[in-house]
Each structure stands twice: as C-alpha cells, then as structure tokens.
C-alpha atoms as a PDB file:
ATOM      1  CA  MET A   1      11.414 -16.491   3.209  1.00  0.00           C
ATOM      2  CA  ASN A   2      12.234 -18.621   6.018  1.00  0.00           C
ATOM      3  CA  ASP A   3      13.755 -15.775   8.299  1.00  0.00           C
ATOM      4  CA  LEU A   4      10.728 -13.649   8.489  1.00  0.00           C
ATOM      5  CA  THR A   5       9.413 -13.042  11.978  1.00  0.00           C
ATOM      6  CA  GLN A   6       6.870 -10.412  12.246  1.00  0.00           C
ATOM      7  CA  ILE A   7       5.413 -10.673   8.587  1.00  0.00           C
ATOM      8  CA  LYS A   8       4.116 -14.157   6.540  1.00  0.00           C
ATOM      9  CA  LEU A   9       4.086 -13.841   3.117  1.00  0.00           C
ATOM     10  CA  GLU A  10       2.191 -16.648   1.330  1.00  0.00           C
ATOM     11  CA  ILE A  11       2.162 -16.829  -2.592  1.00  0.00           C
ATOM     12  CA  ALA A  12      -0.444 -19.126  -4.745  1.00  0.00           C
ATOM     13  CA  ASP A  13      -1.660 -18.798  -7.990  1.00  0.00           C
ATOM     14  CA  GLY A  14      -0.682 -15.236  -8.702  1.00  0.00           C
ATOM     15  CA  ILE A  15      -1.847 -13.882  -5.506  1.00  0.00           C
ATOM     16  CA  ALA A  16       0.423 -12.883  -2.641  1.00  0.00           C
ATOM     17  CA  ILE A  17      -0.906 -12.753   1.058  1.00  0.00           C
ATOM     18  CA  VAL A  18       1.284 -10.536   3.386  1.00  0.00           C
ATOM     19  CA  THR A  19       0.092 -10.842   6.758  1.00  0.00           C
ATOM     20  CA  LEU A  20       1.220  -8.510   9.442  1.00  0.00           C
ATOM     21  CA  ASP A  21       1.822 -10.839  12.287  1.00  0.00           C
ATOM     22  CA  ARG A  22       2.332  -9.990  16.066  1.00  0.00           C
ATOM     23  CA  PRO A  23      -1.084 -11.015  17.227  1.00  0.00           C
ATOM     24  CA  GLU A  24      -0.083 -10.938  20.798  1.00  0.00           C
ATOM     25  CA  LYS A  25       0.768  -7.215  20.464  1.00  0.00           C
ATOM     26  CA  MET A  26      -2.186  -6.657  18.124  1.00  0.00           C
ATOM     27  CA  ASN A  27       0.420  -6.419  15.188  1.00  0.00           C
ATOM     28  CA  ALA A  28       1.994  -3.233  16.859  1.00  0.00           C
ATOM     29  CA  PHE A  29       4.659  -1.845  14.196  1.00  0.00           C
ATOM     30  CA  THR A  30       8.230  -2.221  14.773  1.00  0.00           C
ATOM     31  CA  SER A  31      11.411  -1.871  13.091  1.00  0.00           C
ATOM     32  CA  VAL A  32      11.592  -5.167  12.384  1.00  0.00           C
ATOM     33  CA  MET A  33       8.147  -5.307  10.681  1.00  0.00           C
ATOM     34  CA  LYS A  34       9.257  -2.442   8.864  1.00  0.00           C
ATOM     35  CA  GLN A  35      12.071  -3.754   7.274  1.00  0.00           C
ATOM     36  CA  GLU A  36      10.323  -7.363   6.737  1.00  0.00           C
ATOM     37  CA  PHE A  37       7.659  -5.566   4.915  1.00  0.00           C
ATOM     38  CA  ILE A  38      10.020  -3.821   2.449  1.00  0.00           C
ATOM     39  CA  ASP A  39      11.915  -6.820   1.673  1.00  0.00           C
ATOM     40  CA  VAL A  40       8.519  -8.713   0.891  1.00  0.00           C
ATOM     41  CA  LEU A  41       7.734  -5.969  -1.338  1.00  0.00           C
ATOM     42  CA  ASP A  42      10.801  -6.862  -3.130  1.00  0.00           C
ATOM     43  CA  ILE A  43      10.096 -10.243  -3.648  1.00  0.00           C
ATOM     44  CA  THR A  44       6.634  -9.509  -4.648  1.00  0.00           C
ATOM     45  CA  ASP A  45       8.123  -7.120  -7.383  1.00  0.00           C
ATOM     46  CA  ALA A  46      10.438  -9.511  -8.652  1.00  0.00           C
ATOM     47  CA  ASP A  47       8.280 -12.410  -8.880  1.00  0.00           C
ATOM     48  CA  ASP A  48       6.311 -12.225 -12.436  1.00  0.00           C
ATOM     49  CA  SER A  49       4.075 -14.687 -11.000  1.00  0.00           C
ATOM     50  CA  VAL A  50       2.644 -12.426  -8.691  1.00  0.00           C
ATOM     51  CA  ARG A  51      -0.258 -10.127  -9.884  1.00  0.00           C
ATOM     52  CA  ALA A  52      -1.929  -8.755  -6.883  1.00  0.00           C
ATOM     53  CA  VAL A  53      -0.531  -8.514  -3.242  1.00  0.00           C
ATOM     54  CA  VAL A  54      -3.072  -8.711  -0.420  1.00  0.00           C
ATOM     55  CA  VAL A  55      -2.242  -7.491   3.162  1.00  0.00           C
ATOM     56  CA  THR A  56      -4.220  -8.078   6.466  1.00  0.00           C
ATOM     57  CA  GLY A  57      -3.257  -8.619  10.156  1.00  0.00           C
ATOM     58  CA  SER A  58      -2.978 -11.804  11.710  1.00  0.00           C
ATOM     59  CA  GLY A  59      -5.849 -12.707  14.504  1.00  0.00           C
ATOM     60  CA  GLU A  60      -9.240 -11.204  14.942  1.00  0.00           C
ATOM     61  CA  ARG A  61      -8.545  -8.029  16.715  1.00  0.00           C
ATOM     62  CA  ALA A  62      -6.617  -5.849  14.590  1.00  0.00           C
ATOM     63  CA  PHE A  63      -4.857  -4.924  11.139  1.00  0.00           C
ATOM     64  CA  CYS A  64      -2.105  -2.735  13.072  1.00  0.00           C
ATOM     65  CA  ALA A  65      -2.492  -1.101  16.388  1.00  0.00           C
ATOM     66  CA  GLY A  66       0.280   1.403  15.366  1.00  0.00           C
ATOM     67  CA  ALA A  67       3.663   1.521  16.745  1.00  0.00           C
ATOM     68  CA  ASP A  68       4.706  -0.646  19.378  1.00  0.00           C
ATOM     69  CA  LEU A  69       5.412   1.926  22.391  1.00  0.00           C
ATOM     70  CA  THR A  70       7.480  -0.581  24.224  1.00  0.00           C
ATOM     71  CA  PRO A  71       9.357  -2.867  21.874  1.00  0.00           C
ATOM     72  CA  ASN A  72      11.372  -5.574  22.984  1.00  0.00           C
ATOM     73  CA  GLY A  73      10.451  -4.261  26.632  1.00  0.00           C
ATOM     74  CA  GLU A  74      12.049  -0.829  26.113  1.00  0.00           C
ATOM     75  CA  LYS A  75      10.958   2.117  27.807  1.00  0.00           C
ATOM     76  CA  GLY A  76      11.155   5.910  26.885  1.00  0.00           C
ATOM     77  CA  ASN A  77      10.056   7.706  23.722  1.00  0.00           C
ATOM     78  CA  VAL A  78       9.643   5.232  21.102  1.00  0.00           C
ATOM     79  CA  PHE A  79       9.563   7.982  18.684  1.00  0.00           C
ATOM     80  CA  ALA A  80      13.160   9.227  19.598  1.00  0.00           C
ATOM     81  CA  ARG A  81      15.031   6.483  20.415  1.00  0.00           C
ATOM     82  CA  HIS A  82      18.318   7.494  18.586  1.00  0.00           C
ATOM     83  CA  ALA A  83      20.978   9.517  19.860  1.00  0.00           C
ATOM     84  CA  PRO A  84      20.604  13.474  19.218  1.00  0.00           C
ATOM     85  CA  VAL A  85      21.651  14.607  15.798  1.00  0.00           C
ATOM     86  CA  GLU A  86      22.857  17.927  14.552  1.00  0.00           C
ATOM     87  CA  ASP A  87      21.437  17.572  10.995  1.00  0.00           C
ATOM     88  CA  LEU A  88      17.713  16.763  10.150  1.00  0.00           C
ATOM     89  CA  SER A  89      18.984  15.419   6.931  1.00  0.00           C
ATOM     90  CA  ASP A  90      20.542  12.646   8.966  1.00  0.00           C
ATOM     91  CA  GLU A  91      19.309   9.167   7.781  1.00  0.00           C
ATOM     92  CA  ARG A  92      18.634   8.233  11.391  1.00  0.00           C
ATOM     93  CA  VAL A  93      16.024  10.738  11.675  1.00  0.00           C
ATOM     94  CA  ARG A  94      13.669   9.355   9.073  1.00  0.00           C
ATOM     95  CA  ASP A  95      10.344   7.856   9.854  1.00  0.00           C
ATOM     96  CA  GLY A  96       9.979   4.210   9.666  1.00  0.00           C
ATOM     97  CA  GLY A  97       6.398   4.531   8.399  1.00  0.00           C
ATOM     98  CA  GLY A  98       7.240   6.682   5.944  1.00  0.00           C
ATOM     99  CA  GLN A  99      10.160   4.423   4.393  1.00  0.00           C
ATOM    100  CA  LEU A 100       7.616   1.750   4.564  1.00  0.00           C
ATOM    101  CA  VAL A 101       5.005   4.143   2.659  1.00  0.00           C
ATOM    102  CA  LEU A 102       7.344   5.171   0.010  1.00  0.00           C
ATOM    103  CA  ARG A 103       8.209   1.580  -1.125  1.00  0.00           C
ATOM    104  CA  LEU A 104       4.771   0.567  -0.929  1.00  0.00           C
ATOM    105  CA  PHE A 105       4.254   3.537  -3.291  1.00  0.00           C
ATOM    106  CA  ASN A 106       6.819   2.267  -5.714  1.00  0.00           C
ATOM    107  CA  SER A 107       5.114  -1.322  -5.808  1.00  0.00           C
ATOM    108  CA  LYS A 108       4.774  -2.405  -9.363  1.00  0.00           C
ATOM    109  CA  LYS A 109       1.895  -4.842  -8.303  1.00  0.00           C
ATOM    110  CA  PRO A 110      -1.238  -3.466  -7.046  1.00  0.00           C
ATOM    111  CA  VAL A 111      -2.006  -3.677  -3.318  1.00  0.00           C
ATOM    112  CA  ILE A 112      -5.294  -4.880  -1.741  1.00  0.00           C
ATOM    113  CA  GLY A 113      -5.823  -3.737   2.282  1.00  0.00           C
ATOM    114  CA  ALA A 114      -7.950  -6.257   4.090  1.00  0.00           C
ATOM    115  CA  CYS A 115      -8.431  -4.353   7.130  1.00  0.00           C
ATOM    116  CA  ASN A 116      -9.342  -6.693  10.118  1.00  0.00           C
ATOM    117  CA  GLY A 117      -9.950  -4.801  13.030  1.00  0.00           C
ATOM    118  CA  VAL A 118      -8.167  -1.875  14.892  1.00  0.00           C
ATOM    119  CA  ALA A 119      -6.047   0.259  12.728  1.00  0.00           C
ATOM    120  CA  VAL A 120      -4.509   3.340  14.211  1.00  0.00           C
ATOM    121  CA  GLY A 121      -1.438   5.362  13.943  1.00  0.00           C
ATOM    122  CA  VAL A 122       0.826   3.828  11.739  1.00  0.00           C
ATOM    123  CA  GLY A 123      -1.659   1.060  11.394  1.00  0.00           C
ATOM    124  CA  ALA A 124      -3.835   3.608   9.623  1.00  0.00           C
ATOM    125  CA  THR A 125      -1.352   5.364   7.772  1.00  0.00           C
ATOM    126  CA  MET A 126       0.530   2.587   6.090  1.00  0.00           C
ATOM    127  CA  GLN A 127      -2.635   1.872   4.403  1.00  0.00           C
ATOM    128  CA  LEU A 128      -3.107   4.909   2.427  1.00  0.00           C
ATOM    129  CA  PRO A 129      -0.928   4.096  -0.130  1.00  0.00           C
ATOM    130  CA  PHE A 130      -2.702   0.574  -0.765  1.00  0.00           C
ATOM    131  CA  ASP A 131      -4.764   0.658  -4.237  1.00  0.00           C
ATOM    132  CA  MET A 132      -7.742  -0.523  -2.671  1.00  0.00           C
ATOM    133  CA  ARG A 133      -8.866  -0.621   1.018  1.00  0.00           C
ATOM    134  CA  LEU A 134     -11.526  -3.012   2.193  1.00  0.00           C
ATOM    135  CA  CYS A 135     -12.406  -3.378   5.972  1.00  0.00           C
ATOM    136  CA  SER A 136     -14.541  -5.588   8.361  1.00  0.00           C
ATOM    137  CA  ASP A 137     -17.470  -4.135   9.919  1.00  0.00           C
ATOM    138  CA  ASN A 138     -15.511  -4.018  13.015  1.00  0.00           C
ATOM    139  CA  ALA A 139     -12.431  -2.293  11.944  1.00  0.00           C
ATOM    140  CA  ARG A 140     -11.656   0.745  13.813  1.00  0.00           C
ATOM    141  CA  PHE A 141      -9.368   3.636  12.689  1.00  0.00           C
ATOM    142  CA  GLY A 142      -7.539   6.574  14.313  1.00  0.00           C
ATOM    143  CA  PHE A 143      -5.018   9.183  13.018  1.00  0.00           C
ATOM    144  CA  VAL A 144      -3.893   9.796  16.607  1.00  0.00           C
ATOM    145  CA  PHE A 145      -0.893  11.599  16.562  1.00  0.00           C
ATOM    146  CA  ALA A 146      -1.944  14.651  18.248  1.00  0.00           C
ATOM    147  CA  ARG A 147      -3.080  12.563  21.152  1.00  0.00           C
ATOM    148  CA  ARG A 148       0.467  11.545  21.564  1.00  0.00           C
ATOM    149  CA  GLY A 149       1.973  14.958  21.097  1.00  0.00           C
ATOM    150  CA  ILE A 150       3.502  14.285  17.642  1.00  0.00           C
ATOM    151  CA  THR A 151       2.523  15.032  14.074  1.00  0.00           C
ATOM    152  CA  PRO A 152       1.131  12.577  10.981  1.00  0.00           C
ATOM    153  CA  GLU A 153       3.849  10.491   9.731  1.00  0.00           C
ATOM    154  CA  ALA A 154       4.210   7.902   6.720  1.00  0.00           C
ATOM    155  CA  CYS A 155       3.565  10.681   4.376  1.00  0.00           C
ATOM    156  CA  SER A 156      -0.036  10.867   5.308  1.00  0.00           C
ATOM    157  CA  SER A 157      -0.464  14.653   4.796  1.00  0.00           C
ATOM    158  CA  TRP A 158       0.331  14.009   1.242  1.00  0.00           C
ATOM    159  CA  PHE A 159      -1.815  10.811   1.050  1.00  0.00           C
ATOM    160  CA  LEU A 160      -4.746  11.242   3.167  1.00  0.00           C
ATOM    161  CA  PRO A 161      -5.966  14.519   1.577  1.00  0.00           C
ATOM    162  CA  ARG A 162      -6.011  12.890  -1.567  1.00  0.00           C
ATOM    163  CA  LEU A 163      -8.280  10.042  -0.513  1.00  0.00           C
ATOM    164  CA  VAL A 164     -10.712  11.700   1.786  1.00  0.00           C
ATOM    165  CA  GLY A 165     -10.406  15.564   1.447  1.00  0.00           C
ATOM    166  CA  MET A 166      -8.637  18.166   2.993  1.00  0.00           C
ATOM    167  CA  GLN A 167     -11.509  18.802   5.689  1.00  0.00           C
ATOM    168  CA  THR A 168     -11.820  15.581   6.797  1.00  0.00           C
ATOM    169  CA  SER A 169      -7.865  14.832   6.881  1.00  0.00           C
ATOM    170  CA  LEU A 170      -8.092  17.835   9.318  1.00  0.00           C
ATOM    171  CA  GLU A 171     -10.660  16.581  11.450  1.00  0.00           C
ATOM    172  CA  TRP A 172      -9.547  13.174  11.803  1.00  0.00           C
ATOM    173  CA  CYS A 173      -6.106  14.379  12.582  1.00  0.00           C
ATOM    174  CA  MET A 174      -6.594  17.194  14.603  1.00  0.00           C
ATOM    175  CA  THR A 175      -8.907  15.731  16.924  1.00  0.00           C
ATOM    176  CA  GLY A 176      -7.036  12.068  16.876  1.00  0.00           C
ATOM    177  CA  ARG A 177     -10.297  10.364  17.670  1.00  0.00           C
ATOM    178  CA  ILE A 178     -11.475   6.973  16.687  1.00  0.00           C
ATOM    179  CA  PHE A 179     -13.646   6.301  14.366  1.00  0.00           C
ATOM    180  CA  GLY A 180     -15.622   3.152  12.648  1.00  0.00           C
ATOM    181  CA  ALA A 181     -16.193   1.182   9.449  1.00  0.00           C
ATOM    182  CA  GLU A 182     -18.982   2.930   8.602  1.00  0.00           C
ATOM    183  CA  GLU A 183     -17.612   6.571   8.784  1.00  0.00           C
ATOM    184  CA  ALA A 184     -14.790   5.288   6.901  1.00  0.00           C
ATOM    185  CA  PHE A 185     -16.609   3.853   3.907  1.00  0.00           C
ATOM    186  CA  GLU A 186     -18.762   7.338   4.011  1.00  0.00           C
ATOM    187  CA  LYS A 187     -15.788   9.547   3.840  1.00  0.00           C
ATOM    188  CA  GLY A 188     -13.740   7.353   1.152  1.00  0.00           C
ATOM    189  CA  LEU A 189     -11.046   5.835   3.356  1.00  0.00           C
ATOM    190  CA  VAL A 190     -12.468   2.341   2.344  1.00  0.00           C
ATOM    191  CA  ARG A 191     -13.833   0.456  -0.730  1.00  0.00           C
ATOM    192  CA  SER A 192     -16.179  -1.530   0.945  1.00  0.00           C
ATOM    193  CA  VAL A 193     -17.177  -3.006   4.613  1.00  0.00           C
ATOM    194  CA  HIS A 194     -17.523  -6.817   5.011  1.00  0.00           C
ATOM    195  CA  PRO A 195     -18.523  -9.062   7.960  1.00  0.00           C
ATOM    196  CA  PRO A 196     -15.195 -10.465   9.396  1.00  0.00           C
ATOM    197  CA  HIS A 197     -15.555 -13.944   8.009  1.00  0.00           C
ATOM    198  CA  GLU A 198     -16.429 -12.632   4.571  1.00  0.00           C
ATOM    199  CA  LEU A 199     -13.459  -9.784   4.305  1.00  0.00           C
ATOM    200  CA  MET A 200     -10.497 -12.127   2.908  1.00  0.00           C
ATOM    201  CA  ASP A 201     -12.778 -13.570   0.388  1.00  0.00           C
ATOM    202  CA  ALA A 202     -14.039 -10.012  -0.874  1.00  0.00           C
ATOM    203  CA  ALA A 203     -10.502  -8.976  -0.823  1.00  0.00           C
ATOM    204  CA  MET A 204      -8.741 -12.016  -2.904  1.00  0.00           C
ATOM    205  CA  SER A 205     -12.045 -11.817  -5.067  1.00  0.00           C
ATOM    206  CA  LEU A 206     -10.719  -8.279  -6.034  1.00  0.00           C
ATOM    207  CA  ALA A 207      -7.125  -9.629  -6.529  1.00  0.00           C
ATOM    208  CA  ARG A 208      -8.385 -12.617  -8.504  1.00  0.00           C
ATOM    209  CA  GLU A 209     -10.145 -10.340 -10.801  1.00  0.00           C
ATOM    210  CA  ILE A 210      -6.952  -8.432 -11.607  1.00  0.00           C
ATOM    211  CA  ALA A 211      -4.953 -11.598 -11.567  1.00  0.00           C
ATOM    212  CA  ASP A 212      -7.354 -13.184 -14.387  1.00  0.00           C
ATOM    213  CA  ASN A 213      -8.339 -10.412 -16.795  1.00  0.00           C
ATOM    214  CA  THR A 214      -5.193  -7.940 -16.786  1.00  0.00           C
ATOM    215  CA  SER A 215      -1.891  -7.532 -18.693  1.00  0.00           C
ATOM    216  CA  ALA A 216       0.730  -7.183 -15.435  1.00  0.00           C
ATOM    217  CA  VAL A 217       2.557  -4.455 -17.627  1.00  0.00           C
ATOM    218  CA  SER A 218      -0.833  -2.651 -18.206  1.00  0.00           C
ATOM    219  CA  VAL A 219      -1.664  -2.580 -14.520  1.00  0.00           C
ATOM    220  CA  ALA A 220       2.081  -1.576 -13.172  1.00  0.00           C
ATOM    221  CA  MET A 221       1.680   1.360 -15.561  1.00  0.00           C
ATOM    222  CA  THR A 222      -1.586   2.357 -14.578  1.00  0.00           C
ATOM    223  CA  ARG A 223      -0.539   2.427 -11.235  1.00  0.00           C
ATOM    224  CA  ALA A 224       2.416   4.615 -11.584  1.00  0.00           C
ATOM    225  CA  MET A 225       0.628   6.970 -13.957  1.00  0.00           C
ATOM    226  CA  LEU A 226      -2.484   7.335 -11.511  1.00  0.00           C
ATOM    227  CA  TRP A 227      -0.478   7.980  -8.583  1.00  0.00           C
ATOM    228  CA  ARG A 228       2.105  10.180  -9.731  1.00  0.00           C
ATOM    229  CA  LEU A 229       0.225  12.309 -12.424  1.00  0.00           C
ATOM    230  CA  SER A 230      -2.538  12.919 -10.882  1.00  0.00           C
ATOM    231  CA  ALA A 231      -0.428  15.167  -8.450  1.00  0.00           C
ATOM    232  CA  LEU A 232       1.283  17.241 -11.471  1.00  0.00           C
ATOM    233  CA  GLU A 233       0.551  20.701 -12.151  1.00  0.00           C
ATOM    234  CA  HIS A 234      -0.702  20.635 -15.578  1.00  0.00           C
ATOM    235  CA  PRO A 235      -2.573  18.120 -17.775  1.00  0.00           C
ATOM    236  CA  MET A 236      -0.113  18.462 -20.211  1.00  0.00           C
ATOM    237  CA  LEU A 237       2.592  16.662 -18.332  1.00  0.00           C
ATOM    238  CA  ALA A 238       0.052  13.716 -17.862  1.00  0.00           C
ATOM    239  CA  HIS A 239      -0.412  13.909 -21.706  1.00  0.00           C
ATOM    240  CA  ARG A 240       3.319  13.438 -22.226  1.00  0.00           C
ATOM    241  CA  ILE A 241       3.427  10.170 -20.549  1.00  0.00           C
ATOM    242  CA  ASP A 242      -0.316   8.930 -21.325  1.00  0.00           C
ATOM    243  CA  SER A 243       0.936   9.376 -25.193  1.00  0.00           C
ATOM    244  CA  ARG A 244       4.142   7.489 -24.752  1.00  0.00           C
ATOM    245  CA  SER A 245       2.690   4.861 -22.613  1.00  0.00           C
ATOM    246  CA  ILE A 246      -0.213   4.121 -25.474  1.00  0.00           C
ATOM    247  CA  TYR A 247       2.545   4.179 -28.294  1.00  0.00           C
ATOM    248  CA  ARG A 248       4.723   1.651 -26.460  1.00  0.00           C
ATOM    249  CA  LEU A 249       1.985  -0.394 -25.081  1.00  0.00           C
ATOM    250  CA  GLY A 250       0.107  -0.503 -28.455  1.00  0.00           C
ATOM    251  CA  LYS A 251       3.056  -2.279 -29.898  1.00  0.00           C
ATOM    252  CA  SER A 252       3.228  -4.922 -27.308  1.00  0.00           C
ATOM    253  CA  GLU A 253       2.678  -8.382 -27.097  1.00  0.00           C
ATOM    254  CA  ASP A 254      -0.057  -7.830 -24.433  1.00  0.00           C
ATOM    255  CA  SER A 255      -1.807  -5.329 -26.712  1.00  0.00           C
ATOM    256  CA  LYS A 256      -1.806  -8.045 -29.288  1.00  0.00           C
ATOM    257  CA  GLU A 257      -3.352 -10.630 -27.257  1.00  0.00           C
ATOM    258  CA  GLY A 258      -5.746  -8.393 -25.546  1.00  0.00           C
ATOM    259  CA  VAL A 259      -7.376  -7.644 -28.706  1.00  0.00           C
ATOM    260  CA  ARG A 260      -7.144 -11.402 -29.947  1.00  0.00           C
ATOM    261  CA  SER A 261      -8.643 -12.681 -26.877  1.00  0.00           C
ATOM    262  CA  PHE A 262     -11.438 -10.048 -27.264  1.00  0.00           C
ATOM    263  CA  LEU A 263     -12.488 -11.064 -31.002  1.00  0.00           C
ATOM    264  CA  GLU A 264     -11.971 -14.758 -29.958  1.00  0.00           C
ATOM    265  CA  LYS A 265     -14.359 -14.204 -26.970  1.00  0.00           C
ATOM    266  CA  ARG A 266     -11.770 -16.221 -24.627  1.00  0.00           C
ATOM    267  CA  PRO A 267      -9.646 -15.382 -21.496  1.00  0.00           C
ATOM    268  CA  PRO A 268      -6.521 -13.574 -22.042  1.00  0.00           C
ATOM    269  CA  VAL A 269      -2.978 -14.950 -21.666  1.00  0.00           C
ATOM    270  CA  TYR A 270      -0.916 -12.367 -21.535  1.00  0.00           C
ATOM    271  CA  PRO A 271       2.861 -12.953 -22.301  1.00  0.00           C
ATOM    272  CA  ASP A 272       4.822  -9.836 -21.322  1.00  0.00           C
ATOM    273  CA  THR A 273       6.111  -9.747 -17.839  1.00  0.00           C
ATOM    274  CA  VAL A 274       6.806  -6.708 -15.356  1.00  0.00           C
ATOM    275  CA  SER A 275      10.315  -7.805 -15.271  1.00  0.00           C
ATOM    276  CA  ALA A 276      11.543  -7.838 -18.642  1.00  0.00           C
ATOM    277  CA  ASP A 277       8.511  -5.703 -20.742  1.00  0.00           C
ATOM    278  CA  MET A 278       7.860  -2.435 -19.224  1.00  0.00           C
ATOM    279  CA  PRO A 279       8.226   0.633 -21.538  1.00  0.00           C
ATOM    280  CA  ASP A 280      11.718   1.540 -22.110  1.00  0.00           C
ATOM    281  CA  PHE A 281      10.979   5.176 -20.865  1.00  0.00           C
ATOM    282  CA  TYR A 282       9.998   3.790 -17.412  1.00  0.00           C
ATOM    283  CA  PRO A 283      10.737   5.195 -14.993  1.00  0.00           C
ATOM    284  CA  TRP A 284       9.911   8.615 -16.162  1.00  0.00           C
ATOM    285  CA  TRP A 285      10.499  10.178 -12.973  1.00  0.00           C
ATOM    286  CA  ASP A 286      13.661  11.347 -10.708  1.00  0.00           C
ATOM    287  CA  GLU A 287      13.218   9.877  -7.522  1.00  0.00           C
ATOM    288  CA  PRO A 288      13.806  12.202  -4.918  1.00  0.00           C
ATOM    289  CA  GLY A 289      16.281  11.633  -2.168  1.00  0.00           C
ATOM    290  CA  TYR A 290      15.900  12.454   1.719  1.00  0.00           C
ATOM    291  CA  GLU A 291      17.744  15.414   2.354  1.00  0.00           C
END
C-alpha cells in the first residue's frame, strides 16, 4: 500500500513484515497507526501468498512507546479527546487499542512479534494476541496504566492472565512498573530473548518454519481453535469443533498432500488456500458487537 504513513508493509516469499514506523516518536501509537495496522491485516488475510506475519518497530530504541500523549502537537487528555457522550455503548467510547487487538485476534494468519526495544502501555498490550513474541535483550515492558490514572486497555484483562497467570498480571498492572526482557521471559510473556542484531533473523526463522512446512488452512483453523476453545467452560464444546474440523480437513487436498509428502520423504506443496478452502462451518462463533 502506497498510502501508509505510520506503518510499513513488506511481503516477500510467504512472509509479511509489518513495521510500526514513527521512529522519531519511538513508534508511539495513534489513531492513524491503529487504522493502518487494521488495514494491513485485511491485506495479509486476503493474500494467500502470506503464510505468516512478523511485527516489529522501526529504529533501535522502541517497539512502541505507548499512546502518543501529544498527537499532532495536541494538548489535553489523549484518553478522552472526544465530546461527552450520554451512552457508553456509543462507538466513540471504544478503545482504539482494543479495536486493533480484536482485529489481531481474528487474523487468519499467524502473527509473530519481534519486540525490538521499549514496549509500554498499548505497545505492550497490542502484542498479547500475537501467537508468539520474541524480544531483544534491551527490550523493556510496562503495563503502566495505573501510573497514568487509567486502567488496562486493549482487552489485556482477557489476554494477559492467559499468558502469564493472574498473580503476575495483577502485580504488573497494579504497580505499573517497567521490567526487562529477562523477567518477561521468566514469566512467559515472551518466547525467547535475543541480541538486537539477531532478533529479526530469529523471528523470520520461526515464520519460515511455518511457511515452508504447514498447511495454511490447518494453521488458520488451529489458531482460531486454540485462542477460542481454550476459553470455553467445558471440553465437550471443544470436542464438537475438533471433531468437525478433523472430519472436514481429513477429506481435504491438503490432508492428502500431507500424507503423500510424508511417505515420499519430500517437502509438502499444499494446494488449499485460506481464501477458498476453509471448512464450511468456519467461522463457528457469533462475533459479539460493542454495546
């Protein structure tokens, strides 16, 4: 896309690289960045050549330093810029970080984070729906909302305890303190820590493993199933979807190719696409609206 101003998108050899691109502002988050990121995810979902998405920040200092507290030189409360509303279900009330995170949650392609520095506020919470998060050893994280007089946003109250547990989530959010890459790794926020010059290579290697060896339809279904079914109240609800999925995908061309390539000891060439060959019961959920 030539009209992107705060996000860069590069697609090559099955992998999309999405770069938050405001290095002069440490890639601070704005409503423009939010919308461009959402637009880019629409592109990667629709492009069957894209097998994985890697997200990083521009420059060497930050992944994203949180919300831009003075966008376009504005002063005042960036968290409540709009005119007063009577009804809290008004769309204008909606949290922009949450809108982005909900779109990331519904991505049909796996998303891998390469956190290359500071990630605080929405810079941290936007990473929670990534499927895998890697960081550089100079990365710093902070769920700093209580230190700004607000609360956690971007659906982080749903995502964060699932990743690191309730006690750690409460500590990080109640203190609002900044912590480093080692603690993020120890608590399970990130998969691995790398020297800065090796971070993108590690993220791309992980993306490459997905792109070269797996079925796009299988990965899309797996992503939706693990994120959604793990939150349900009984395993029978997961069993229903598991059974339908195995039955449908077991008759697919990708399944045939998976078996053939294994028996023939060669790399697979999966023919099915996310745009055309998802199972007929997908999506199986009713997407809730904002109300």
